[in-house]
Amino acid sequence: MTLQDRLYLTWCYGKTQLVIGLVYNLVCASWLSMGISYSFFVDAFIIKTIIYAITLFLIYQFRNRDAIFFYINLGFSHRKMELSVLLLDFLALAVLLTAVLLIYG
């Protein structure tokens, strides 16, 4: 399986989490670009963790229980897929905020 296939399956698995995370990342980047505060960098990650937990809870409440078997049949575990979505989301926030700090800081 190529990296492109892996990224596509990660998108299919966690597109709700990634879209909500993208909106949050853009809001944080715009707030950081308006007024530079280095403590906001840490606060953004703390709030991101809380939002991610709430999103994950809501997704588990309303997700189709049989949909996970598609990924299990492909050889991916539920935890690895969730971890890849989590890492991709937090890595995107870190890169975006670091870029804003380097440009405006």
PDB file of N, CA and C in Angstrom:
ATOM      1  N   MET A   1       0.846  -1.173   0.000  1.00  0.00           N
ATOM      2  CA  MET A   1       0.000   0.000   0.000  1.00  0.00           C
ATOM      3  C   MET A   1       0.888   1.232   0.000  1.00  0.00           C
ATOM      4  N   THR A   2       0.592   2.138  -0.903  1.00  0.00           N
ATOM      5  CA  THR A   2       1.399   3.344  -1.038  1.00  0.00           C
ATOM      6  C   THR A   2       0.987   4.379   0.008  1.00  0.00           C
ATOM      7  N   LEU A   3       1.810   5.396   0.125  1.00  0.00           N
ATOM      8  CA  LEU A   3       1.516   6.477   1.062  1.00  0.00           C
ATOM      9  C   LEU A   3       0.253   7.213   0.655  1.00  0.00           C
ATOM     10  N   GLN A   4       0.035   7.364  -0.643  1.00  0.00           N
ATOM     11  CA  GLN A   4      -1.170   8.034  -1.123  1.00  0.00           C
ATOM     12  C   GLN A   4      -2.423   7.249  -0.731  1.00  0.00           C
ATOM     13  N   ASP A   5      -2.372   5.923  -0.832  1.00  0.00           N
ATOM     14  CA  ASP A   5      -3.506   5.099  -0.410  1.00  0.00           C
ATOM     15  C   ASP A   5      -3.743   5.225   1.085  1.00  0.00           C
ATOM     16  N   ARG A   6      -2.661   5.240   1.828  1.00  0.00           N
ATOM     17  CA  ARG A   6      -2.775   5.361   3.287  1.00  0.00           C
ATOM     18  C   ARG A   6      -3.389   6.708   3.678  1.00  0.00           C
ATOM     19  N   LEU A   7      -2.964   7.781   3.023  1.00  0.00           N
ATOM     20  CA  LEU A   7      -3.524   9.102   3.314  1.00  0.00           C
ATOM     21  C   LEU A   7      -4.996   9.185   2.918  1.00  0.00           C
ATOM     22  N   TYR A   8      -5.339   8.566   1.804  1.00  0.00           N
ATOM     23  CA  TYR A   8      -6.738   8.572   1.377  1.00  0.00           C
ATOM     24  C   TYR A   8      -7.619   7.816   2.378  1.00  0.00           C
ATOM     25  N   LEU A   9      -7.147   6.662   2.854  1.00  0.00           N
ATOM     26  CA  LEU A   9      -7.928   5.909   3.841  1.00  0.00           C
ATOM     27  C   LEU A   9      -8.017   6.651   5.169  1.00  0.00           C
ATOM     28  N   THR A  10      -6.950   7.353   5.530  1.00  0.00           N
ATOM     29  CA  THR A  10      -6.998   8.176   6.750  1.00  0.00           C
ATOM     30  C   THR A  10      -8.022   9.284   6.589  1.00  0.00           C
ATOM     31  N   TRP A  11      -8.073   9.905   5.414  1.00  0.00           N
ATOM     32  CA  TRP A  11      -9.072  10.942   5.154  1.00  0.00           C
ATOM     33  C   TRP A  11     -10.478  10.365   5.231  1.00  0.00           C
ATOM     34  N   CYS A  12     -10.693   9.199   4.607  1.00  0.00           N
ATOM     35  CA  CYS A  12     -12.022   8.573   4.623  1.00  0.00           C
ATOM     36  C   CYS A  12     -12.445   8.213   6.037  1.00  0.00           C
ATOM     37  N   TYR A  13     -11.495   7.746   6.839  1.00  0.00           N
ATOM     38  CA  TYR A  13     -11.811   7.332   8.204  1.00  0.00           C
ATOM     39  C   TYR A  13     -12.125   8.531   9.094  1.00  0.00           C
ATOM     40  N   GLY A  14     -11.321   9.565   9.003  1.00  0.00           N
ATOM     41  CA  GLY A  14     -11.453  10.656   9.965  1.00  0.00           C
ATOM     42  C   GLY A  14     -11.764  12.003   9.363  1.00  0.00           C
ATOM     43  N   LYS A  15     -12.530  12.030   8.263  1.00  0.00           N
ATOM     44  CA  LYS A  15     -12.768  13.319   7.611  1.00  0.00           C
ATOM     45  C   LYS A  15     -13.544  14.287   8.495  1.00  0.00           C
ATOM     46  N   THR A  16     -14.430  13.804   9.328  1.00  0.00           N
ATOM     47  CA  THR A  16     -15.157  14.706  10.224  1.00  0.00           C
ATOM     48  C   THR A  16     -14.207  15.354  11.220  1.00  0.00           C
ATOM     49  N   GLN A  17     -13.339  14.544  11.803  1.00  0.00           N
ATOM     50  CA  GLN A  17     -12.383  15.083  12.762  1.00  0.00           C
ATOM     51  C   GLN A  17     -11.396  16.031  12.091  1.00  0.00           C
ATOM     52  N   LEU A  18     -10.974  15.689  10.893  1.00  0.00           N
ATOM     53  CA  LEU A  18     -10.005  16.528  10.194  1.00  0.00           C
ATOM     54  C   LEU A  18     -10.612  17.849   9.735  1.00  0.00           C
ATOM     55  N   VAL A  19     -11.860  17.851   9.325  1.00  0.00           N
ATOM     56  CA  VAL A  19     -12.514  19.102   8.909  1.00  0.00           C
ATOM     57  C   VAL A  19     -12.724  20.016  10.119  1.00  0.00           C
ATOM     58  N   ILE A  20     -13.198  19.456  11.219  1.00  0.00           N
ATOM     59  CA  ILE A  20     -13.357  20.258  12.437  1.00  0.00           C
ATOM     60  C   ILE A  20     -12.007  20.770  12.912  1.00  0.00           C
ATOM     61  N   GLY A  21     -10.992  19.928  12.834  1.00  0.00           N
ATOM     62  CA  GLY A  21      -9.644  20.338  13.210  1.00  0.00           C
ATOM     63  C   GLY A  21      -9.095  21.418  12.304  1.00  0.00           C
ATOM     64  N   LEU A  22      -9.373  21.333  11.000  1.00  0.00           N
ATOM     65  CA  LEU A  22      -8.917  22.344  10.060  1.00  0.00           C
ATOM     66  C   LEU A  22      -9.550  23.697  10.346  1.00  0.00           C
ATOM     67  N   VAL A  23     -10.830  23.703  10.648  1.00  0.00           N
ATOM     68  CA  VAL A  23     -11.508  24.957  10.985  1.00  0.00           C
ATOM     69  C   VAL A  23     -10.889  25.560  12.248  1.00  0.00           C
ATOM     70  N   TYR A  24     -10.663  24.723  13.252  1.00  0.00           N
ATOM     71  CA  TYR A  24     -10.041  25.208  14.484  1.00  0.00           C
ATOM     72  C   TYR A  24      -8.628  25.727  14.212  1.00  0.00           C
ATOM     73  N   ASN A  25      -7.864  25.012  13.395  1.00  0.00           N
ATOM     74  CA  ASN A  25      -6.503  25.445  13.077  1.00  0.00           C
ATOM     75  C   ASN A  25      -6.487  26.806  12.395  1.00  0.00           C
ATOM     76  N   LEU A  26      -7.401  27.018  11.468  1.00  0.00           N
ATOM     77  CA  LEU A  26      -7.451  28.307  10.776  1.00  0.00           C
ATOM     78  C   LEU A  26      -7.878  29.439  11.702  1.00  0.00           C
ATOM     79  N   VAL A  27      -8.803  29.156  12.619  1.00  0.00           N
ATOM     80  CA  VAL A  27      -9.213  30.169  13.591  1.00  0.00           C
ATOM     81  C   VAL A  27      -8.044  30.525  14.502  1.00  0.00           C
ATOM     82  N   CYS A  28      -7.311  29.525  14.968  1.00  0.00           N
ATOM     83  CA  CYS A  28      -6.155  29.786  15.828  1.00  0.00           C
ATOM     84  C   CYS A  28      -5.078  30.575  15.090  1.00  0.00           C
ATOM     85  N   ALA A  29      -4.847  30.235  13.838  1.00  0.00           N
ATOM     86  CA  ALA A  29      -3.831  30.945  13.062  1.00  0.00           C
ATOM     87  C   ALA A  29      -4.235  32.401  12.848  1.00  0.00           C
ATOM     88  N   SER A  30      -5.514  32.651  12.603  1.00  0.00           N
ATOM     89  CA  SER A  30      -5.941  34.042  12.406  1.00  0.00           C
ATOM     90  C   SER A  30      -5.858  34.830  13.710  1.00  0.00           C
ATOM     91  N   TRP A  31      -6.222  34.212  14.824  1.00  0.00           N
ATOM     92  CA  TRP A  31      -6.096  34.903  16.111  1.00  0.00           C
ATOM     93  C   TRP A  31      -4.635  35.185  16.438  1.00  0.00           C
ATOM     94  N   LEU A  32      -3.767  34.239  16.138  1.00  0.00           N
ATOM     95  CA  LEU A  32      -2.354  34.427  16.429  1.00  0.00           C
ATOM     96  C   LEU A  32      -1.736  35.491  15.522  1.00  0.00           C
ATOM     97  N   SER A  33      -2.206  35.586  14.291  1.00  0.00           N
ATOM     98  CA  SER A  33      -1.646  36.586  13.381  1.00  0.00           C
ATOM     99  C   SER A  33      -2.115  38.001  13.734  1.00  0.00           C
ATOM    100  N   MET A  34      -3.276  38.131  14.371  1.00  0.00           N
ATOM    101  CA  MET A  34      -3.754  39.461  14.754  1.00  0.00           C
ATOM    102  C   MET A  34      -3.000  40.026  15.939  1.00  0.00           C
ATOM    103  N   GLY A  35      -2.637  39.181  16.879  1.00  0.00           N
ATOM    104  CA  GLY A  35      -1.903  39.638  18.046  1.00  0.00           C
ATOM    105  C   GLY A  35      -0.974  38.545  18.516  1.00  0.00           C
ATOM    106  N   ILE A  36       0.322  38.770  18.389  1.00  0.00           N
ATOM    107  CA  ILE A  36       1.285  37.725  18.711  1.00  0.00           C
ATOM    108  C   ILE A  36       1.387  37.560  20.221  1.00  0.00           C
ATOM    109  N   SER A  37       1.085  36.374  20.665  1.00  0.00           N
ATOM    110  CA  SER A  37       1.231  36.009  22.062  1.00  0.00           C
ATOM    111  C   SER A  37       1.762  34.583  22.105  1.00  0.00           C
ATOM    112  N   TYR A  38       2.946  34.413  22.625  1.00  0.00           N
ATOM    113  CA  TYR A  38       3.568  33.091  22.610  1.00  0.00           C
ATOM    114  C   TYR A  38       2.868  32.122  23.558  1.00  0.00           C
ATOM    115  N   SER A  39       2.173  32.626  24.550  1.00  0.00           N
ATOM    116  CA  SER A  39       1.424  31.735  25.438  1.00  0.00           C
ATOM    117  C   SER A  39       0.190  31.163  24.736  1.00  0.00           C
ATOM    118  N   PHE A  40      -0.281  31.840  23.693  1.00  0.00           N
ATOM    119  CA  PHE A  40      -1.420  31.335  22.933  1.00  0.00           C
ATOM    120  C   PHE A  40      -1.079  30.030  22.240  1.00  0.00           C
ATOM    121  N   PHE A  41       0.187  29.836  21.903  1.00  0.00           N
ATOM    122  CA  PHE A  41       0.630  28.604  21.258  1.00  0.00           C
ATOM    123  C   PHE A  41       0.302  27.396  22.142  1.00  0.00           C
ATOM    124  N   VAL A  42       0.565  27.494  23.412  1.00  0.00           N
ATOM    125  CA  VAL A  42       0.269  26.404  24.358  1.00  0.00           C
ATOM    126  C   VAL A  42      -1.229  26.302  24.607  1.00  0.00           C
ATOM    127  N   ASP A  43      -1.874  27.435  24.755  1.00  0.00           N
ATOM    128  CA  ASP A  43      -3.324  27.424  24.975  1.00  0.00           C
ATOM    129  C   ASP A  43      -4.070  26.790  23.811  1.00  0.00           C
ATOM    130  N   ALA A  44      -3.593  27.008  22.592  1.00  0.00           N
ATOM    131  CA  ALA A  44      -4.238  26.433  21.413  1.00  0.00           C
ATOM    132  C   ALA A  44      -4.204  24.908  21.462  1.00  0.00           C
ATOM    133  N   PHE A  45      -3.106  24.336  21.925  1.00  0.00           N
ATOM    134  CA  PHE A  45      -3.005  22.879  22.011  1.00  0.00           C
ATOM    135  C   PHE A  45      -3.883  22.320  23.133  1.00  0.00           C
ATOM    136  N   ILE A  46      -4.001  23.045  24.218  1.00  0.00           N
ATOM    137  CA  ILE A  46      -4.858  22.589  25.316  1.00  0.00           C
ATOM    138  C   ILE A  46      -6.321  22.608  24.890  1.00  0.00           C
ATOM    139  N   ILE A  47      -6.747  23.693  24.265  1.00  0.00           N
ATOM    140  CA  ILE A  47      -8.134  23.781  23.786  1.00  0.00           C
ATOM    141  C   ILE A  47      -8.378  22.772  22.671  1.00  0.00           C
ATOM    142  N   LYS A  48      -7.369  22.544  21.834  1.00  0.00           N
ATOM    143  CA  LYS A  48      -7.496  21.552  20.759  1.00  0.00           C
ATOM    144  C   LYS A  48      -7.740  20.157  21.328  1.00  0.00           C
ATOM    145  N   THR A  49      -7.085  19.825  22.418  1.00  0.00           N
ATOM    146  CA  THR A  49      -7.275  18.525  23.062  1.00  0.00           C
ATOM    147  C   THR A  49      -8.697  18.377  23.575  1.00  0.00           C
ATOM    148  N   ILE A  50      -9.235  19.426  24.170  1.00  0.00           N
ATOM    149  CA  ILE A  50     -10.609  19.382  24.680  1.00  0.00           C
ATOM    150  C   ILE A  50     -11.602  19.261  23.526  1.00  0.00           C
ATOM    151  N   ILE A  51     -11.405  20.043  22.479  1.00  0.00           N
ATOM    152  CA  ILE A  51     -12.305  19.971  21.323  1.00  0.00           C
ATOM    153  C   ILE A  51     -12.214  18.604  20.656  1.00  0.00           C
ATOM    154  N   TYR A  52     -11.015  18.052  20.574  1.00  0.00           N
ATOM    155  CA  TYR A  52     -10.839  16.742  19.955  1.00  0.00           C
ATOM    156  C   TYR A  52     -11.556  15.663  20.767  1.00  0.00           C
ATOM    157  N   ALA A  53     -11.485  15.755  22.081  1.00  0.00           N
ATOM    158  CA  ALA A  53     -12.170  14.765  22.928  1.00  0.00           C
ATOM    159  C   ALA A  53     -13.690  14.843  22.749  1.00  0.00           C
ATOM    160  N   ILE A  54     -14.223  16.046  22.699  1.00  0.00           N
ATOM    161  CA  ILE A  54     -15.672  16.216  22.500  1.00  0.00           C
ATOM    162  C   ILE A  54     -16.080  15.704  21.120  1.00  0.00           C
ATOM    163  N   THR A  55     -15.300  16.029  20.107  1.00  0.00           N
ATOM    164  CA  THR A  55     -15.597  15.557  18.755  1.00  0.00           C
ATOM    165  C   THR A  55     -15.547  14.039  18.677  1.00  0.00           C
ATOM    166  N   LEU A  56     -14.543  13.451  19.302  1.00  0.00           N
ATOM    167  CA  LEU A  56     -14.409  11.991  19.294  1.00  0.00           C
ATOM    168  C   LEU A  56     -15.586  11.331  19.997  1.00  0.00           C
ATOM    169  N   PHE A  57     -16.029  11.904  21.098  1.00  0.00           N
ATOM    170  CA  PHE A  57     -17.187  11.355  21.806  1.00  0.00           C
ATOM    171  C   PHE A  57     -18.437  11.402  20.935  1.00  0.00           C
ATOM    172  N   LEU A  58     -18.665  12.532  20.279  1.00  0.00           N
ATOM    173  CA  LEU A  58     -19.851  12.657  19.430  1.00  0.00           C
ATOM    174  C   LEU A  58     -19.787  11.738  18.214  1.00  0.00           C
ATOM    175  N   ILE A  59     -18.604  11.576  17.659  1.00  0.00           N
ATOM    176  CA  ILE A  59     -18.469  10.676  16.508  1.00  0.00           C
ATOM    177  C   ILE A  59     -18.737   9.237  16.919  1.00  0.00           C
ATOM    178  N   TYR A  60     -18.245   8.831  18.071  1.00  0.00           N
ATOM    179  CA  TYR A  60     -18.494   7.461  18.531  1.00  0.00           C
ATOM    180  C   TYR A  60     -19.965   7.231  18.849  1.00  0.00           C
ATOM    181  N   GLN A  61     -20.676   8.264  19.232  1.00  0.00           N
ATOM    182  CA  GLN A  61     -22.096   8.109  19.527  1.00  0.00           C
ATOM    183  C   GLN A  61     -22.921   7.915  18.264  1.00  0.00           C
ATOM    184  N   PHE A  62     -22.513   8.538  17.172  1.00  0.00           N
ATOM    185  CA  PHE A  62     -23.335   8.524  15.966  1.00  0.00           C
ATOM    186  C   PHE A  62     -22.728   7.756  14.789  1.00  0.00           C
ATOM    187  N   ARG A  63     -21.578   7.118  14.980  1.00  0.00           N
ATOM    188  CA  ARG A  63     -20.925   6.381  13.894  1.00  0.00           C
ATOM    189  C   ARG A  63     -21.611   5.038  13.672  1.00  0.00           C
ATOM    190  N   ASN A  64     -21.647   4.637  12.413  1.00  0.00           N
ATOM    191  CA  ASN A  64     -22.166   3.321  12.061  1.00  0.00           C
ATOM    192  C   ASN A  64     -21.223   2.263  12.630  1.00  0.00           C
ATOM    193  N   ARG A  65     -21.751   1.351  13.409  1.00  0.00           N
ATOM    194  CA  ARG A  65     -20.917   0.353  14.074  1.00  0.00           C
ATOM    195  C   ARG A  65     -20.274  -0.623  13.096  1.00  0.00           C
ATOM    196  N   ASP A  66     -20.874  -0.837  11.942  1.00  0.00           N
ATOM    197  CA  ASP A  66     -20.335  -1.781  10.975  1.00  0.00           C
ATOM    198  C   ASP A  66     -19.268  -1.168  10.076  1.00  0.00           C
ATOM    199  N   ALA A  67     -19.134   0.147  10.076  1.00  0.00           N
ATOM    200  CA  ALA A  67     -18.190   0.813   9.180  1.00  0.00           C
ATOM    201  C   ALA A  67     -16.744   0.487   9.540  1.00  0.00           C
ATOM    202  N   ILE A  68     -16.469   0.201  10.792  1.00  0.00           N
ATOM    203  CA  ILE A  68     -15.097  -0.077  11.216  1.00  0.00           C
ATOM    204  C   ILE A  68     -14.592  -1.390  10.625  1.00  0.00           C
ATOM    205  N   PHE A  69     -15.489  -2.297  10.275  1.00  0.00           N
ATOM    206  CA  PHE A  69     -15.061  -3.584   9.730  1.00  0.00           C
ATOM    207  C   PHE A  69     -14.418  -3.433   8.359  1.00  0.00           C
ATOM    208  N   PHE A  70     -14.732  -2.374   7.637  1.00  0.00           N
ATOM    209  CA  PHE A  70     -14.074  -2.098   6.357  1.00  0.00           C
ATOM    210  C   PHE A  70     -12.577  -1.939   6.567  1.00  0.00           C
ATOM    211  N   TYR A  71     -12.188  -1.178   7.594  1.00  0.00           N
ATOM    212  CA  TYR A  71     -10.777  -0.931   7.855  1.00  0.00           C
ATOM    213  C   TYR A  71     -10.109  -2.158   8.479  1.00  0.00           C
ATOM    214  N   ILE A  72     -10.840  -2.890   9.286  1.00  0.00           N
ATOM    215  CA  ILE A  72     -10.296  -4.107   9.869  1.00  0.00           C
ATOM    216  C   ILE A  72     -10.013  -5.130   8.775  1.00  0.00           C
ATOM    217  N   ASN A  73     -10.891  -5.236   7.789  1.00  0.00           N
ATOM    218  CA  ASN A  73     -10.682  -6.168   6.685  1.00  0.00           C
ATOM    219  C   ASN A  73      -9.506  -5.766   5.800  1.00  0.00           C
ATOM    220  N   LEU A  74      -9.171  -4.480   5.766  1.00  0.00           N
ATOM    221  CA  LEU A  74      -7.998  -4.026   5.026  1.00  0.00           C
ATOM    222  C   LEU A  74      -6.708  -4.258   5.803  1.00  0.00           C
ATOM    223  N   GLY A  75      -6.816  -4.625   7.062  1.00  0.00           N
ATOM    224  CA  GLY A  75      -5.638  -4.893   7.880  1.00  0.00           C
ATOM    225  C   GLY A  75      -5.242  -3.753   8.793  1.00  0.00           C
ATOM    226  N   PHE A  76      -6.095  -2.749   8.930  1.00  0.00           N
ATOM    227  CA  PHE A  76      -5.801  -1.624   9.814  1.00  0.00           C
ATOM    228  C   PHE A  76      -6.579  -1.788  11.113  1.00  0.00           C
ATOM    229  N   SER A  77      -5.915  -1.485  12.198  1.00  0.00           N
ATOM    230  CA  SER A  77      -6.641  -1.527  13.463  1.00  0.00           C
ATOM    231  C   SER A  77      -7.327  -0.190  13.703  1.00  0.00           C
ATOM    232  N   HIS A  78      -8.362  -0.241  14.495  1.00  0.00           N
ATOM    233  CA  HIS A  78      -9.123   0.967  14.821  1.00  0.00           C
ATOM    234  C   HIS A  78      -8.232   1.979  15.529  1.00  0.00           C
ATOM    235  N   ARG A  79      -7.398   1.514  16.419  1.00  0.00           N
ATOM    236  CA  ARG A  79      -6.533   2.421  17.185  1.00  0.00           C
ATOM    237  C   ARG A  79      -5.469   3.076  16.303  1.00  0.00           C
ATOM    238  N   LYS A  80      -4.903   2.319  15.372  1.00  0.00           N
ATOM    239  CA  LYS A  80      -3.899   2.909  14.489  1.00  0.00           C
ATOM    240  C   LYS A  80      -4.507   3.960  13.572  1.00  0.00           C
ATOM    241  N   MET A  81      -5.703   3.713  13.102  1.00  0.00           N
ATOM    242  CA  MET A  81      -6.361   4.709  12.255  1.00  0.00           C
ATOM    243  C   MET A  81      -6.676   5.973  13.056  1.00  0.00           C
ATOM    244  N   GLU A  82      -7.165   5.794  14.276  1.00  0.00           N
ATOM    245  CA  GLU A  82      -7.476   6.949  15.113  1.00  0.00           C
ATOM    246  C   GLU A  82      -6.205   7.706  15.475  1.00  0.00           C
ATOM    247  N   LEU A  83      -5.140   6.990  15.735  1.00  0.00           N
ATOM    248  CA  LEU A  83      -3.867   7.632  16.060  1.00  0.00           C
ATOM    249  C   LEU A  83      -3.313   8.405  14.869  1.00  0.00           C
ATOM    250  N   SER A  84      -3.460   7.866  13.665  1.00  0.00           N
ATOM    251  CA  SER A  84      -2.966   8.579  12.490  1.00  0.00           C
ATOM    252  C   SER A  84      -3.769   9.859  12.246  1.00  0.00           C
ATOM    253  N   VAL A  85      -5.080   9.825  12.484  1.00  0.00           N
ATOM    254  CA  VAL A  85      -5.897  11.038  12.349  1.00  0.00           C
ATOM    255  C   VAL A  85      -5.482  12.064  13.405  1.00  0.00           C
ATOM    256  N   LEU A  86      -5.278  11.607  14.629  1.00  0.00           N
ATOM    257  CA  LEU A  86      -4.876  12.496  15.718  1.00  0.00           C
ATOM    258  C   LEU A  86      -3.526  13.148  15.422  1.00  0.00           C
ATOM    259  N   LEU A  87      -2.555  12.357  14.999  1.00  0.00           N
ATOM    260  CA  LEU A  87      -1.236  12.907  14.709  1.00  0.00           C
ATOM    261  C   LEU A  87      -1.261  13.876  13.536  1.00  0.00           C
ATOM    262  N   LEU A  88      -2.013  13.547  12.516  1.00  0.00           N
ATOM    263  CA  LEU A  88      -2.124  14.433  11.358  1.00  0.00           C
ATOM    264  C   LEU A  88      -2.759  15.764  11.746  1.00  0.00           C
ATOM    265  N   ASP A  89      -3.773  15.714  12.583  1.00  0.00           N
ATOM    266  CA  ASP A  89      -4.477  16.925  13.003  1.00  0.00           C
ATOM    267  C   ASP A  89      -3.585  17.815  13.870  1.00  0.00           C
ATOM    268  N   PHE A  90      -2.918  17.228  14.861  1.00  0.00           N
ATOM    269  CA  PHE A  90      -2.068  18.028  15.733  1.00  0.00           C
ATOM    270  C   PHE A  90      -0.800  18.504  15.017  1.00  0.00           C
ATOM    271  N   LEU A  91      -0.299  17.704  14.086  1.00  0.00           N
ATOM    272  CA  LEU A  91       0.862  18.128  13.317  1.00  0.00           C
ATOM    273  C   LEU A  91       0.509  19.317  12.424  1.00  0.00           C
ATOM    274  N   ALA A  92      -0.680  19.296  11.858  1.00  0.00           N
ATOM    275  CA  ALA A  92      -1.126  20.426  11.036  1.00  0.00           C
ATOM    276  C   ALA A  92      -1.224  21.699  11.877  1.00  0.00           C
ATOM    277  N   LEU A  93      -1.732  21.584  13.099  1.00  0.00           N
ATOM    278  CA  LEU A  93      -1.814  22.761  13.981  1.00  0.00           C
ATOM    279  C   LEU A  93      -0.427  23.274  14.331  1.00  0.00           C
ATOM    280  N   ALA A  94       0.491  22.385  14.644  1.00  0.00           N
ATOM    281  CA  ALA A  94       1.845  22.799  15.011  1.00  0.00           C
ATOM    282  C   ALA A  94       2.549  23.491  13.856  1.00  0.00           C
ATOM    283  N   VAL A  95       2.428  22.946  12.665  1.00  0.00           N
ATOM    284  CA  VAL A  95       3.084  23.545  11.495  1.00  0.00           C
ATOM    285  C   VAL A  95       2.467  24.903  11.174  1.00  0.00           C
ATOM    286  N   LEU A  96       1.156  24.987  11.225  1.00  0.00           N
ATOM    287  CA  LEU A  96       0.481  26.241  10.898  1.00  0.00           C
ATOM    288  C   LEU A  96       0.818  27.336  11.911  1.00  0.00           C
ATOM    289  N   LEU A  97       0.783  27.025  13.194  1.00  0.00           N
ATOM    290  CA  LEU A  97       1.092  28.041  14.200  1.00  0.00           C
ATOM    291  C   LEU A  97       2.562  28.434  14.173  1.00  0.00           C
ATOM    292  N   THR A  98       3.437  27.471  13.903  1.00  0.00           N
ATOM    293  CA  THR A  98       4.860  27.799  13.787  1.00  0.00           C
ATOM    294  C   THR A  98       5.114  28.704  12.592  1.00  0.00           C
ATOM    295  N   ALA A  99       4.434  28.444  11.494  1.00  0.00           N
ATOM    296  CA  ALA A  99       4.583  29.303  10.310  1.00  0.00           C
ATOM    297  C   ALA A  99       4.097  30.721  10.603  1.00  0.00           C
ATOM    298  N   VAL A 100       2.978  30.834  11.303  1.00  0.00           N
ATOM    299  CA  VAL A 100       2.462  32.165  11.654  1.00  0.00           C
ATOM    300  C   VAL A 100       3.421  32.883  12.583  1.00  0.00           C
ATOM    301  N   LEU A 101       3.977  32.156  13.551  1.00  0.00           N
ATOM    302  CA  LEU A 101       4.940  32.790  14.466  1.00  0.00           C
ATOM    303  C   LEU A 101       6.202  33.242  13.730  1.00  0.00           C
ATOM    304  N   LEU A 102       6.659  32.452  12.767  1.00  0.00           N
ATOM    305  CA  LEU A 102       7.851  32.837  12.022  1.00  0.00           C
ATOM    306  C   LEU A 102       7.590  34.026  11.102  1.00  0.00           C
ATOM    307  N   ILE A 103       6.402  34.082  10.539  1.00  0.00           N
ATOM    308  CA  ILE A 103       6.085  35.185   9.619  1.00  0.00           C
ATOM    309  C   ILE A 103       5.822  36.480  10.386  1.00  0.00           C
ATOM    310  N   TYR A 104       5.014  36.427  11.429  1.00  0.00           N
ATOM    311  CA  TYR A 104       4.612  37.645  12.143  1.00  0.00           C
ATOM    312  C   TYR A 104       5.444  37.921  13.390  1.00  0.00           C
ATOM    313  N   GLY A 105       6.184  36.948  13.862  1.00  0.00           N
ATOM    314  CA  GLY A 105       6.921  37.087  15.118  1.00  0.00           C
ATOM    315  C   GLY A 105       8.200  37.779  14.931  1.00  0.00           C
TER     316      GLY A 105
END
